[in-house]
Amino acid sequence: MIRIGEHSLAPIALGCMNISHAYGTPPSEEHSIKLLNKALDLGYNMLDTAALYGFGNNEKLLAKAVGHRRDEFFLASKCGMFKGPDGKRAIDGRPETIRQTCEDALQRLNTDVIDLYYLHRWDKTVPIEESVGELSRLVEEGKIKHIGLSEVSAKTLEKAHQVHPIAAVQSEYSLWSRNAEIAVVDKCSELGSTFVSFSPVGRGILSGELQSNQFVDGDIRNAMPRFSNENFESNVTAVNKFASLLPIFAEENTTLPSPTLAQFALAWTLAKAPHSIALPGTTSLQHLEDNWNAQHYSISKPLLELIDRTVPQSSFIGGRYNAPTQAEIDTEEF
């Protein structure tokens, strides 16, 4: 189990963005409620939402679906990125905006306290110390228990930590996105911050099930260079090289059911960043269960080394985000 404060958390948590937006038409509310309750039934004990997801509707959905089971899960949400006055996504890390977003989130979530509250993006027009300072006041007031940061560099994390302990840092991390290895994972270990990996299955590509980049309108992958016509085929080839090692992974886990490629990818993420939490999202009940069970598999050091030789970071081409979105984040880049 992974510790955040007094809480013991499973190494697999549920990212809830998928059930409200980002990957085309979201599932029905009925299906989402069923999925969230099944997650708790399986043993998931951390649910991750944000003001941005569904522009607040994701937080409302969590309250409706599992609010009656609030004592069964650690609740993480985020501020600093949300629906602006013009109806588009906005980034705002000013103290007064953070406070208002938190107050609104508490109402939407129908809860008295949020266990972990992330600054979803660092607003580079506001010193990180000011944003974290306001979050620390929310801790003092009992509105949130712990502070987290998302998509920040080790340098920014260290600055923030001087204002208030940072309980967790969330960033994209998977076989095809290893920027966190440059400095953030080590800095988290040094400061006692839990590292949380979002998109640990590479937004679906590391499942091996994604053989086409013809996404529906409204799917955020349409704007991501790695999924472009220019880069997609090469990246699928790299995934297929990873898949060629799946039989070895299965041989190392013969007492468990034959693993899926997504479980292999999740096990890799957990092995490469010890004492971390992987945060896959899904709308599939079967994938929900498979993701949860991935924590039971292990990868030997020789297999990790073989993966690094077979599928190095350089195997994948294209940026994580397009240029405007990339400019909004603070993570180190290769």
C-alpha atoms as a PDB file:
ATOM      1  CA  MET A   1       0.000   0.000   0.000  1.00  0.00           C
ATOM      2  CA  ILE A   2       1.069   3.580  -0.648  1.00  0.00           C
ATOM      3  CA  ARG A   3       0.848   6.192   2.092  1.00  0.00           C
ATOM      4  CA  ILE A   4      -0.473   9.729   1.685  1.00  0.00           C
ATOM      5  CA  GLY A   5      -0.697  11.229   5.137  1.00  0.00           C
ATOM      6  CA  GLU A   6      -2.641   8.837   7.348  1.00  0.00           C
ATOM      7  CA  HIS A   7      -4.181   7.086   4.349  1.00  0.00           C
ATOM      8  CA  SER A   8      -3.064   3.721   2.955  1.00  0.00           C
ATOM      9  CA  LEU A   9      -3.819   3.590  -0.757  1.00  0.00           C
ATOM     10  CA  ALA A  10      -3.692   0.886  -3.399  1.00  0.00           C
ATOM     11  CA  PRO A  11      -1.073   1.329  -6.143  1.00  0.00           C
ATOM     12  CA  ILE A  12      -3.857   1.428  -8.747  1.00  0.00           C
ATOM     13  CA  ALA A  13      -6.359   4.305  -8.588  1.00  0.00           C
ATOM     14  CA  LEU A  14      -9.174   5.338 -10.912  1.00  0.00           C
ATOM     15  CA  GLY A  15      -8.895   8.415 -13.095  1.00  0.00           C
ATOM     16  CA  CYS A  16     -12.430   9.623 -13.742  1.00  0.00           C
ATOM     17  CA  MET A  17     -11.937  12.028 -16.658  1.00  0.00           C
ATOM     18  CA  ASN A  18     -13.004   9.461 -19.273  1.00  0.00           C
ATOM     19  CA  ILE A  19     -16.553   9.243 -17.991  1.00  0.00           C
ATOM     20  CA  SER A  20     -17.212  12.941 -18.614  1.00  0.00           C
ATOM     21  CA  HIS A  21     -15.095  14.121 -21.523  1.00  0.00           C
ATOM     22  CA  ALA A  22     -11.866  13.980 -23.555  1.00  0.00           C
ATOM     23  CA  TYR A  23     -12.348  10.790 -25.549  1.00  0.00           C
ATOM     24  CA  GLY A  24     -15.438  11.496 -27.598  1.00  0.00           C
ATOM     25  CA  THR A  25     -19.002  10.911 -26.445  1.00  0.00           C
ATOM     26  CA  PRO A  26     -18.964   9.936 -22.757  1.00  0.00           C
ATOM     27  CA  PRO A  27     -20.900   6.902 -21.536  1.00  0.00           C
ATOM     28  CA  SER A  28     -24.384   7.217 -20.116  1.00  0.00           C
ATOM     29  CA  GLU A  29     -24.809   8.365 -16.546  1.00  0.00           C
ATOM     30  CA  GLU A  30     -26.263   4.958 -15.695  1.00  0.00           C
ATOM     31  CA  HIS A  31     -23.138   3.201 -16.991  1.00  0.00           C
ATOM     32  CA  SER A  32     -20.815   5.634 -15.208  1.00  0.00           C
ATOM     33  CA  ILE A  33     -22.603   5.104 -11.902  1.00  0.00           C
ATOM     34  CA  LYS A  34     -22.288   1.351 -12.363  1.00  0.00           C
ATOM     35  CA  LEU A  35     -18.582   1.677 -13.185  1.00  0.00           C
ATOM     36  CA  LEU A  36     -17.784   3.859 -10.175  1.00  0.00           C
ATOM     37  CA  ASN A  37     -19.562   1.514  -7.796  1.00  0.00           C
ATOM     38  CA  LYS A  38     -17.876  -1.514  -9.326  1.00  0.00           C
ATOM     39  CA  ALA A  39     -14.527   0.212  -8.792  1.00  0.00           C
ATOM     40  CA  LEU A  40     -15.202   0.470  -5.071  1.00  0.00           C
ATOM     41  CA  ASP A  41     -16.488  -3.106  -4.993  1.00  0.00           C
ATOM     42  CA  LEU A  42     -13.228  -4.291  -6.565  1.00  0.00           C
ATOM     43  CA  GLY A  43     -11.181  -2.456  -3.941  1.00  0.00           C
ATOM     44  CA  TYR A  44     -10.200   0.812  -5.614  1.00  0.00           C
ATOM     45  CA  ASN A  45      -9.786   3.275  -2.762  1.00  0.00           C
ATOM     46  CA  MET A  46      -8.741   6.447  -4.599  1.00  0.00           C
ATOM     47  CA  LEU A  47     -10.887   8.297  -7.140  1.00  0.00           C
ATOM     48  CA  ASP A  48      -9.407  11.206  -9.083  1.00  0.00           C
ATOM     49  CA  THR A  49     -11.523  14.006 -10.545  1.00  0.00           C
ATOM     50  CA  ALA A  50     -11.106  17.723 -11.347  1.00  0.00           C
ATOM     51  CA  ALA A  51     -13.035  20.934 -11.833  1.00  0.00           C
ATOM     52  CA  LEU A  52     -12.061  20.716 -15.512  1.00  0.00           C
ATOM     53  CA  TYR A  53     -13.572  17.293 -16.172  1.00  0.00           C
ATOM     54  CA  GLY A  54     -16.954  17.841 -17.727  1.00  0.00           C
ATOM     55  CA  PHE A  55     -16.563  21.447 -16.532  1.00  0.00           C
ATOM     56  CA  GLY A  56     -17.679  20.433 -13.030  1.00  0.00           C
ATOM     57  CA  ASN A  57     -20.067  17.678 -14.044  1.00  0.00           C
ATOM     58  CA  ASN A  58     -17.540  14.960 -13.214  1.00  0.00           C
ATOM     59  CA  GLU A  59     -17.422  16.077  -9.593  1.00  0.00           C
ATOM     60  CA  LYS A  60     -21.232  16.138  -9.494  1.00  0.00           C
ATOM     61  CA  LEU A  61     -21.377  12.652 -10.991  1.00  0.00           C
ATOM     62  CA  LEU A  62     -19.032  11.262  -8.341  1.00  0.00           C
ATOM     63  CA  ALA A  63     -21.231  12.711  -5.621  1.00  0.00           C
ATOM     64  CA  LYS A  64     -24.339  11.190  -7.160  1.00  0.00           C
ATOM     65  CA  ALA A  65     -22.762   7.811  -7.866  1.00  0.00           C
ATOM     66  CA  VAL A  66     -20.713   7.093  -4.752  1.00  0.00           C
ATOM     67  CA  GLY A  67     -21.362   9.937  -2.334  1.00  0.00           C
ATOM     68  CA  HIS A  68     -23.171   7.464  -0.091  1.00  0.00           C
ATOM     69  CA  ARG A  69     -19.915   5.463   0.059  1.00  0.00           C
ATOM     70  CA  ARG A  70     -17.685   8.448   0.857  1.00  0.00           C
ATOM     71  CA  ASP A  71     -15.922   6.641   3.697  1.00  0.00           C
ATOM     72  CA  GLU A  72     -14.696   3.973   1.263  1.00  0.00           C
ATOM     73  CA  PHE A  73     -12.403   6.111  -0.876  1.00  0.00           C
ATOM     74  CA  PHE A  74      -9.732   8.791  -0.842  1.00  0.00           C
ATOM     75  CA  LEU A  75     -10.990  11.724  -2.904  1.00  0.00           C
ATOM     76  CA  ALA A  76      -8.630  13.681  -5.150  1.00  0.00           C
ATOM     77  CA  SER A  77      -9.685  16.701  -7.180  1.00  0.00           C
ATOM     78  CA  LYS A  78      -7.981  19.638  -8.855  1.00  0.00           C
ATOM     79  CA  CYS A  79      -8.142  23.396  -9.229  1.00  0.00           C
ATOM     80  CA  GLY A  80      -6.359  25.899 -11.445  1.00  0.00           C
ATOM     81  CA  MET A  81      -7.804  24.708 -14.746  1.00  0.00           C
ATOM     82  CA  PHE A  82     -11.515  24.944 -15.459  1.00  0.00           C
ATOM     83  CA  LYS A  83     -14.240  26.374 -17.678  1.00  0.00           C
ATOM     84  CA  GLY A  84     -13.628  30.077 -18.220  1.00  0.00           C
ATOM     85  CA  PRO A  85     -16.226  32.815 -18.746  1.00  0.00           C
ATOM     86  CA  ASP A  86     -16.021  32.266 -22.511  1.00  0.00           C
ATOM     87  CA  GLY A  87     -16.867  28.588 -22.110  1.00  0.00           C
ATOM     88  CA  LYS A  88     -13.345  27.448 -22.953  1.00  0.00           C
ATOM     89  CA  ARG A  89     -10.640  25.902 -20.786  1.00  0.00           C
ATOM     90  CA  ALA A  90      -8.844  28.449 -18.617  1.00  0.00           C
ATOM     91  CA  ILE A  91      -5.778  28.315 -16.361  1.00  0.00           C
ATOM     92  CA  ASP A  92      -5.858  30.562 -13.310  1.00  0.00           C
ATOM     93  CA  GLY A  93      -3.732  30.051 -10.205  1.00  0.00           C
ATOM     94  CA  ARG A  94      -4.576  33.252  -8.372  1.00  0.00           C
ATOM     95  CA  PRO A  95      -5.366  32.691  -4.685  1.00  0.00           C
ATOM     96  CA  GLU A  96      -8.907  34.045  -4.959  1.00  0.00           C
ATOM     97  CA  THR A  97      -9.653  31.761  -7.909  1.00  0.00           C
ATOM     98  CA  ILE A  98      -8.235  28.713  -6.141  1.00  0.00           C
ATOM     99  CA  ARG A  99     -10.416  29.445  -3.119  1.00  0.00           C
ATOM    100  CA  GLN A 100     -13.567  29.904  -5.177  1.00  0.00           C
ATOM    101  CA  THR A 101     -12.892  26.755  -7.197  1.00  0.00           C
ATOM    102  CA  CYS A 102     -12.439  24.788  -3.979  1.00  0.00           C
ATOM    103  CA  GLU A 103     -15.675  26.146  -2.499  1.00  0.00           C
ATOM    104  CA  ASP A 104     -17.513  25.229  -5.694  1.00  0.00           C
ATOM    105  CA  ALA A 105     -15.940  21.760  -5.735  1.00  0.00           C
ATOM    106  CA  LEU A 106     -16.998  21.050  -2.157  1.00  0.00           C
ATOM    107  CA  GLN A 107     -20.576  21.829  -3.157  1.00  0.00           C
ATOM    108  CA  ARG A 108     -20.445  19.772  -6.345  1.00  0.00           C
ATOM    109  CA  LEU A 109     -18.866  16.840  -4.519  1.00  0.00           C
ATOM    110  CA  ASN A 110     -21.295  17.215  -1.613  1.00  0.00           C
ATOM    111  CA  THR A 111     -18.491  16.743   0.885  1.00  0.00           C
ATOM    112  CA  ASP A 112     -16.964  18.707   3.744  1.00  0.00           C
ATOM    113  CA  VAL A 113     -13.365  18.019   2.804  1.00  0.00           C
ATOM    114  CA  ILE A 114     -11.300  16.960  -0.216  1.00  0.00           C
ATOM    115  CA  ASP A 115      -8.542  14.536   0.748  1.00  0.00           C
ATOM    116  CA  LEU A 116      -6.049  15.625  -1.922  1.00  0.00           C
ATOM    117  CA  TYR A 117      -6.375  18.859  -3.872  1.00  0.00           C
ATOM    118  CA  TYR A 118      -4.047  19.377  -6.815  1.00  0.00           C
ATOM    119  CA  LEU A 119      -3.076  22.523  -8.625  1.00  0.00           C
ATOM    120  CA  HIS A 120      -3.990  21.087 -12.034  1.00  0.00           C
ATOM    121  CA  ARG A 121      -1.603  23.387 -13.888  1.00  0.00           C
ATOM    122  CA  TRP A 122       0.828  25.946 -12.562  1.00  0.00           C
ATOM    123  CA  ASP A 123      -0.312  29.349 -13.798  1.00  0.00           C
ATOM    124  CA  LYS A 124       3.034  30.798 -14.836  1.00  0.00           C
ATOM    125  CA  THR A 125       1.755  34.347 -14.324  1.00  0.00           C
ATOM    126  CA  VAL A 126       1.435  33.619 -10.593  1.00  0.00           C
ATOM    127  CA  PRO A 127       4.416  32.592  -8.428  1.00  0.00           C
ATOM    128  CA  ILE A 128       3.973  28.983  -7.353  1.00  0.00           C
ATOM    129  CA  GLU A 129       4.500  30.113  -3.774  1.00  0.00           C
ATOM    130  CA  GLU A 130       1.332  32.242  -3.947  1.00  0.00           C
ATOM    131  CA  SER A 131      -0.825  29.450  -5.317  1.00  0.00           C
ATOM    132  CA  VAL A 132       0.470  26.908  -2.812  1.00  0.00           C
ATOM    133  CA  GLY A 133       0.161  29.479  -0.046  1.00  0.00           C
ATOM    134  CA  GLU A 134      -3.573  29.687  -0.677  1.00  0.00           C
ATOM    135  CA  LEU A 135      -3.841  25.912  -0.783  1.00  0.00           C
ATOM    136  CA  SER A 136      -2.074  25.778   2.584  1.00  0.00           C
ATOM    137  CA  ARG A 137      -4.698  28.121   4.018  1.00  0.00           C
ATOM    138  CA  LEU A 138      -7.396  25.773   2.746  1.00  0.00           C
ATOM    139  CA  VAL A 139      -5.623  22.977   4.635  1.00  0.00           C
ATOM    140  CA  GLU A 140      -5.600  25.086   7.793  1.00  0.00           C
ATOM    141  CA  GLU A 141      -9.319  25.732   7.383  1.00  0.00           C
ATOM    142  CA  GLY A 142     -10.059  22.017   7.012  1.00  0.00           C
ATOM    143  CA  LYS A 143     -11.427  22.282   3.479  1.00  0.00           C
ATOM    144  CA  ILE A 144      -8.685  20.067   2.040  1.00  0.00           C
ATOM    145  CA  LYS A 145      -6.341  17.604   3.748  1.00  0.00           C
ATOM    146  CA  HIS A 146      -3.357  17.446   1.411  1.00  0.00           C
ATOM    147  CA  ILE A 147      -1.852  19.479  -1.432  1.00  0.00           C
ATOM    148  CA  GLY A 148      -0.792  18.090  -4.795  1.00  0.00           C
ATOM    149  CA  LEU A 149       0.743  19.499  -7.973  1.00  0.00           C
ATOM    150  CA  SER A 150       0.327  18.341 -11.562  1.00  0.00           C
ATOM    151  CA  GLU A 151       2.681  18.566 -14.545  1.00  0.00           C
ATOM    152  CA  VAL A 152       5.422  20.502 -12.724  1.00  0.00           C
ATOM    153  CA  SER A 153       9.203  20.324 -12.858  1.00  0.00           C
ATOM    154  CA  ALA A 154      11.417  19.236  -9.980  1.00  0.00           C
ATOM    155  CA  LYS A 155      12.480  22.864  -9.521  1.00  0.00           C
ATOM    156  CA  THR A 156       8.883  24.062  -9.159  1.00  0.00           C
ATOM    157  CA  LEU A 157       8.097  21.182  -6.804  1.00  0.00           C
ATOM    158  CA  GLU A 158      10.998  22.152  -4.567  1.00  0.00           C
ATOM    159  CA  LYS A 159       9.849  25.792  -4.448  1.00  0.00           C
ATOM    160  CA  ALA A 160       6.320  24.733  -3.588  1.00  0.00           C
ATOM    161  CA  HIS A 161       7.507  22.318  -0.926  1.00  0.00           C
ATOM    162  CA  GLN A 162       9.218  25.161   0.919  1.00  0.00           C
ATOM    163  CA  VAL A 163       5.793  26.746   1.428  1.00  0.00           C
ATOM    164  CA  HIS A 164       3.902  23.592   2.392  1.00  0.00           C
ATOM    165  CA  PRO A 165       4.610  19.847   2.130  1.00  0.00           C
ATOM    166  CA  ILE A 166       3.441  18.528  -1.231  1.00  0.00           C
ATOM    167  CA  ALA A 167       1.731  15.191  -0.684  1.00  0.00           C
ATOM    168  CA  ALA A 168       1.603  14.105  -4.320  1.00  0.00           C
ATOM    169  CA  VAL A 169       2.749  15.041  -7.796  1.00  0.00           C
ATOM    170  CA  GLN A 170       0.781  13.860 -10.805  1.00  0.00           C
ATOM    171  CA  SER A 171       2.286  13.693 -14.262  1.00  0.00           C
ATOM    172  CA  GLU A 172       2.034  11.572 -17.370  1.00  0.00           C
ATOM    173  CA  TYR A 173       4.266   8.537 -17.049  1.00  0.00           C
ATOM    174  CA  SER A 174       4.341   5.344 -19.050  1.00  0.00           C
ATOM    175  CA  LEU A 175       6.552   3.357 -21.358  1.00  0.00           C
ATOM    176  CA  TRP A 176       6.066   6.002 -24.044  1.00  0.00           C
ATOM    177  CA  SER A 177       6.239   9.091 -21.782  1.00  0.00           C
ATOM    178  CA  ARG A 178       9.252   8.902 -19.481  1.00  0.00           C
ATOM    179  CA  ASN A 179       9.949  12.590 -18.891  1.00  0.00           C
ATOM    180  CA  ALA A 180       9.266  12.130 -15.187  1.00  0.00           C
ATOM    181  CA  GLU A 181      12.424  10.016 -14.972  1.00  0.00           C
ATOM    182  CA  ILE A 182      14.546  13.090 -15.738  1.00  0.00           C
ATOM    183  CA  ALA A 183      14.084  14.585 -12.269  1.00  0.00           C
ATOM    184  CA  VAL A 184      10.553  14.548 -10.842  1.00  0.00           C
ATOM    185  CA  VAL A 185      10.369  10.927  -9.667  1.00  0.00           C
ATOM    186  CA  ASP A 186      13.648  11.311  -7.769  1.00  0.00           C
ATOM    187  CA  LYS A 187      12.612  14.685  -6.335  1.00  0.00           C
ATOM    188  CA  CYS A 188       9.352  13.166  -5.111  1.00  0.00           C
ATOM    189  CA  SER A 189      11.314  10.431  -3.360  1.00  0.00           C
ATOM    190  CA  GLU A 190      13.634  13.012  -1.798  1.00  0.00           C
ATOM    191  CA  LEU A 191      10.779  15.179  -0.503  1.00  0.00           C
ATOM    192  CA  GLY A 192       8.423  12.381   0.514  1.00  0.00           C
ATOM    193  CA  SER A 193       5.827  13.208  -2.152  1.00  0.00           C
ATOM    194  CA  THR A 194       3.906  10.341  -3.729  1.00  0.00           C
ATOM    195  CA  PHE A 195       4.273  10.197  -7.500  1.00  0.00           C
ATOM    196  CA  VAL A 196       1.017   9.559  -9.386  1.00  0.00           C
ATOM    197  CA  SER A 197       1.218   8.436 -13.025  1.00  0.00           C
ATOM    198  CA  PHE A 198      -1.632   9.503 -15.260  1.00  0.00           C
ATOM    199  CA  SER A 199      -2.174   7.888 -18.679  1.00  0.00           C
ATOM    200  CA  PRO A 200      -0.046   4.874 -17.687  1.00  0.00           C
ATOM    201  CA  VAL A 201      -1.446   2.968 -20.678  1.00  0.00           C
ATOM    202  CA  GLY A 202      -0.489   5.786 -23.054  1.00  0.00           C
ATOM    203  CA  ARG A 203      -4.053   6.981 -23.713  1.00  0.00           C
ATOM    204  CA  GLY A 204      -4.842   3.502 -24.967  1.00  0.00           C
ATOM    205  CA  ILE A 205      -1.959   2.822 -27.324  1.00  0.00           C
ATOM    206  CA  LEU A 206      -0.083   0.574 -24.872  1.00  0.00           C
ATOM    207  CA  SER A 207      -3.076  -1.749 -24.673  1.00  0.00           C
ATOM    208  CA  GLY A 208      -2.283  -2.985 -28.172  1.00  0.00           C
ATOM    209  CA  GLU A 209      -5.953  -2.547 -29.020  1.00  0.00           C
ATOM    210  CA  LEU A 210      -5.482   0.822 -30.721  1.00  0.00           C
ATOM    211  CA  GLN A 211      -4.577   0.106 -34.323  1.00  0.00           C
ATOM    212  CA  SER A 212      -6.160   3.203 -35.889  1.00  0.00           C
ATOM    213  CA  ASN A 213      -5.866   6.922 -35.239  1.00  0.00           C
ATOM    214  CA  GLN A 214      -9.268   7.715 -36.734  1.00  0.00           C
ATOM    215  CA  PHE A 215     -10.830   9.157 -33.597  1.00  0.00           C
ATOM    216  CA  VAL A 216     -14.289  10.661 -33.254  1.00  0.00           C
ATOM    217  CA  ASP A 217     -14.805  14.404 -32.996  1.00  0.00           C
ATOM    218  CA  GLY A 218     -14.114  15.660 -29.488  1.00  0.00           C
ATOM    219  CA  ASP A 219     -11.355  13.134 -28.797  1.00  0.00           C
ATOM    220  CA  ILE A 220      -8.328  15.009 -27.444  1.00  0.00           C
ATOM    221  CA  ARG A 221      -5.971  12.594 -29.203  1.00  0.00           C
ATOM    222  CA  ASN A 222      -6.878  14.268 -32.490  1.00  0.00           C
ATOM    223  CA  ALA A 223      -4.677  17.205 -31.428  1.00  0.00           C
ATOM    224  CA  MET A 224      -1.776  15.170 -30.022  1.00  0.00           C
ATOM    225  CA  PRO A 225       1.268  14.828 -32.304  1.00  0.00           C
ATOM    226  CA  ARG A 226       1.960  11.238 -31.279  1.00  0.00           C
ATOM    227  CA  PHE A 227      -1.376  10.183 -32.732  1.00  0.00           C
ATOM    228  CA  SER A 228      -0.968  12.150 -35.976  1.00  0.00           C
ATOM    229  CA  ASN A 229      -0.807  10.430 -39.355  1.00  0.00           C
ATOM    230  CA  GLU A 230       2.864  11.369 -39.484  1.00  0.00           C
ATOM    231  CA  ASN A 231       3.782   9.537 -36.270  1.00  0.00           C
ATOM    232  CA  PHE A 232       1.104   6.992 -35.446  1.00  0.00           C
ATOM    233  CA  GLU A 233       2.307   4.040 -37.521  1.00  0.00           C
ATOM    234  CA  SER A 234       5.845   4.304 -36.154  1.00  0.00           C
ATOM    235  CA  ASN A 235       4.521   4.420 -32.598  1.00  0.00           C
ATOM    236  CA  VAL A 236       2.345   1.352 -33.160  1.00  0.00           C
ATOM    237  CA  THR A 237       5.462  -0.451 -34.402  1.00  0.00           C
ATOM    238  CA  ALA A 238       7.190   0.400 -31.114  1.00  0.00           C
ATOM    239  CA  VAL A 239       4.189  -0.898 -29.160  1.00  0.00           C
ATOM    240  CA  ASN A 240       4.342  -4.137 -31.133  1.00  0.00           C
ATOM    241  CA  LYS A 241       7.976  -4.545 -30.050  1.00  0.00           C
ATOM    242  CA  PHE A 242       6.821  -4.171 -26.458  1.00  0.00           C
ATOM    243  CA  ALA A 243       4.077  -6.728 -27.116  1.00  0.00           C
ATOM    244  CA  SER A 244       6.684  -9.219 -28.328  1.00  0.00           C
ATOM    245  CA  LEU A 245       7.950  -9.386 -24.729  1.00  0.00           C
ATOM    246  CA  LEU A 246       4.532 -10.216 -23.263  1.00  0.00           C
ATOM    247  CA  PRO A 247       5.200 -13.995 -23.231  1.00  0.00           C
ATOM    248  CA  ILE A 248       8.242 -13.431 -21.002  1.00  0.00           C
ATOM    249  CA  PHE A 249       6.126 -11.341 -18.637  1.00  0.00           C
ATOM    250  CA  ALA A 250       3.532 -14.124 -18.570  1.00  0.00           C
ATOM    251  CA  GLU A 251       6.231 -16.692 -17.761  1.00  0.00           C
ATOM    252  CA  GLU A 252       7.294 -14.602 -14.769  1.00  0.00           C
ATOM    253  CA  ASN A 253       3.717 -14.632 -13.459  1.00  0.00           C
ATOM    254  CA  THR A 254       2.553 -18.189 -14.083  1.00  0.00           C
ATOM    255  CA  THR A 255       0.388 -18.311 -10.949  1.00  0.00           C
ATOM    256  CA  LEU A 256      -1.781 -15.490 -12.324  1.00  0.00           C
ATOM    257  CA  PRO A 257      -4.133 -15.348 -15.319  1.00  0.00           C
ATOM    258  CA  SER A 258      -2.509 -14.691 -18.683  1.00  0.00           C
ATOM    259  CA  PRO A 259      -1.807 -10.934 -18.628  1.00  0.00           C
ATOM    260  CA  THR A 260      -3.023  -8.371 -21.115  1.00  0.00           C
ATOM    261  CA  LEU A 261      -0.643  -5.909 -22.727  1.00  0.00           C
ATOM    262  CA  ALA A 262      -2.240  -3.105 -20.698  1.00  0.00           C
ATOM    263  CA  GLN A 263      -1.467  -5.016 -17.505  1.00  0.00           C
ATOM    264  CA  PHE A 264       2.112  -5.394 -18.701  1.00  0.00           C
ATOM    265  CA  ALA A 265       2.288  -1.621 -19.244  1.00  0.00           C
ATOM    266  CA  LEU A 266       0.827  -0.890 -15.812  1.00  0.00           C
ATOM    267  CA  ALA A 267       3.192  -3.320 -14.118  1.00  0.00           C
ATOM    268  CA  TRP A 268       6.104  -1.616 -15.903  1.00  0.00           C
ATOM    269  CA  THR A 269       5.015   1.790 -14.604  1.00  0.00           C
ATOM    270  CA  LEU A 270       4.721   0.569 -11.019  1.00  0.00           C
ATOM    271  CA  ALA A 271       8.073  -1.215 -11.201  1.00  0.00           C
ATOM    272  CA  LYS A 272       9.913   1.767 -12.676  1.00  0.00           C
ATOM    273  CA  ALA A 273       8.526   4.228 -10.127  1.00  0.00           C
ATOM    274  CA  PRO A 274       8.426   2.343  -6.814  1.00  0.00           C
ATOM    275  CA  HIS A 275       6.050   3.618  -4.132  1.00  0.00           C
ATOM    276  CA  SER A 276       3.973   5.342  -6.794  1.00  0.00           C
ATOM    277  CA  ILE A 277       0.323   5.158  -7.813  1.00  0.00           C
ATOM    278  CA  ALA A 278      -0.796   4.428 -11.374  1.00  0.00           C
ATOM    279  CA  LEU A 279      -3.946   6.248 -12.447  1.00  0.00           C
ATOM    280  CA  PRO A 280      -5.546   4.595 -15.475  1.00  0.00           C
ATOM    281  CA  GLY A 281      -8.958   5.717 -16.619  1.00  0.00           C
ATOM    282  CA  THR A 282     -11.531   3.659 -18.473  1.00  0.00           C
ATOM    283  CA  THR A 283     -15.187   3.409 -19.393  1.00  0.00           C
ATOM    284  CA  SER A 284     -14.983  -0.386 -19.761  1.00  0.00           C
ATOM    285  CA  LEU A 285     -16.050  -2.588 -16.863  1.00  0.00           C
ATOM    286  CA  GLN A 286     -13.669  -5.325 -18.027  1.00  0.00           C
ATOM    287  CA  HIS A 287     -10.724  -2.945 -18.337  1.00  0.00           C
ATOM    288  CA  LEU A 288     -11.585  -1.560 -14.897  1.00  0.00           C
ATOM    289  CA  GLU A 289     -11.111  -5.024 -13.427  1.00  0.00           C
ATOM    290  CA  ASP A 290      -8.034  -5.806 -15.515  1.00  0.00           C
ATOM    291  CA  ASN A 291      -6.383  -2.542 -14.478  1.00  0.00           C
ATOM    292  CA  TRP A 292      -7.054  -3.266 -10.822  1.00  0.00           C
ATOM    293  CA  ASN A 293      -5.552  -6.738 -11.083  1.00  0.00           C
ATOM    294  CA  ALA A 294      -2.382  -5.403 -12.739  1.00  0.00           C
ATOM    295  CA  GLN A 295      -0.966  -4.630  -9.292  1.00  0.00           C
ATOM    296  CA  HIS A 296      -0.580  -8.351  -8.605  1.00  0.00           C
ATOM    297  CA  TYR A 297       1.910  -8.894 -11.432  1.00  0.00           C
ATOM    298  CA  SER A 298       5.642  -8.348 -11.074  1.00  0.00           C
ATOM    299  CA  ILE A 299       8.487  -7.679 -13.489  1.00  0.00           C
ATOM    300  CA  SER A 300      12.019  -8.925 -12.909  1.00  0.00           C
ATOM    301  CA  LYS A 301      15.003  -6.626 -13.192  1.00  0.00           C
ATOM    302  CA  PRO A 302      16.329  -8.518 -16.250  1.00  0.00           C
ATOM    303  CA  LEU A 303      12.988  -8.051 -18.022  1.00  0.00           C
ATOM    304  CA  LEU A 304      12.948  -4.338 -17.188  1.00  0.00           C
ATOM    305  CA  GLU A 305      16.412  -4.041 -18.701  1.00  0.00           C
ATOM    306  CA  LEU A 306      15.298  -5.980 -21.780  1.00  0.00           C
ATOM    307  CA  ILE A 307      12.314  -3.654 -22.208  1.00  0.00           C
ATOM    308  CA  ASP A 308      14.606  -0.625 -22.011  1.00  0.00           C
ATOM    309  CA  ARG A 309      16.836  -2.083 -24.720  1.00  0.00           C
ATOM    310  CA  THR A 310      13.952  -3.196 -26.938  1.00  0.00           C
ATOM    311  CA  VAL A 311      11.718  -0.151 -26.570  1.00  0.00           C
ATOM    312  CA  PRO A 312      13.788   2.861 -25.461  1.00  0.00           C
ATOM    313  CA  GLN A 313      12.171   6.266 -25.089  1.00  0.00           C
ATOM    314  CA  SER A 314      13.500   7.196 -28.522  1.00  0.00           C
ATOM    315  CA  SER A 315      11.267   4.514 -30.060  1.00  0.00           C
ATOM    316  CA  PHE A 316       8.297   6.855 -29.755  1.00  0.00           C
ATOM    317  CA  ILE A 317       8.051   9.992 -31.851  1.00  0.00           C
ATOM    318  CA  GLY A 318       5.973  13.146 -31.613  1.00  0.00           C
ATOM    319  CA  GLY A 319       5.230  15.423 -28.687  1.00  0.00           C
ATOM    320  CA  ARG A 320       2.833  14.623 -25.876  1.00  0.00           C
ATOM    321  CA  TYR A 321       0.873  17.784 -26.646  1.00  0.00           C
ATOM    322  CA  ASN A 322       0.611  20.333 -29.431  1.00  0.00           C
ATOM    323  CA  ALA A 323       2.698  23.496 -29.022  1.00  0.00           C
ATOM    324  CA  PRO A 324       0.099  25.705 -27.242  1.00  0.00           C
ATOM    325  CA  THR A 325      -0.749  22.992 -24.702  1.00  0.00           C
ATOM    326  CA  GLN A 326       2.902  22.060 -24.216  1.00  0.00           C
ATOM    327  CA  ALA A 327       3.618  25.679 -23.301  1.00  0.00           C
ATOM    328  CA  GLU A 328       1.144  25.401 -20.427  1.00  0.00           C
ATOM    329  CA  ILE A 329       3.020  22.660 -18.594  1.00  0.00           C
ATOM    330  CA  ASP A 330       6.226  22.833 -16.586  1.00  0.00           C
ATOM    331  CA  THR A 331       7.687  19.345 -16.851  1.00  0.00           C
ATOM    332  CA  GLU A 332      11.242  18.599 -17.952  1.00  0.00           C
ATOM    333  CA  GLU A 333      11.656  17.552 -21.574  1.00  0.00           C
ATOM    334  CA  PHE A 334      14.141  15.213 -23.236  1.00  0.00           C
END
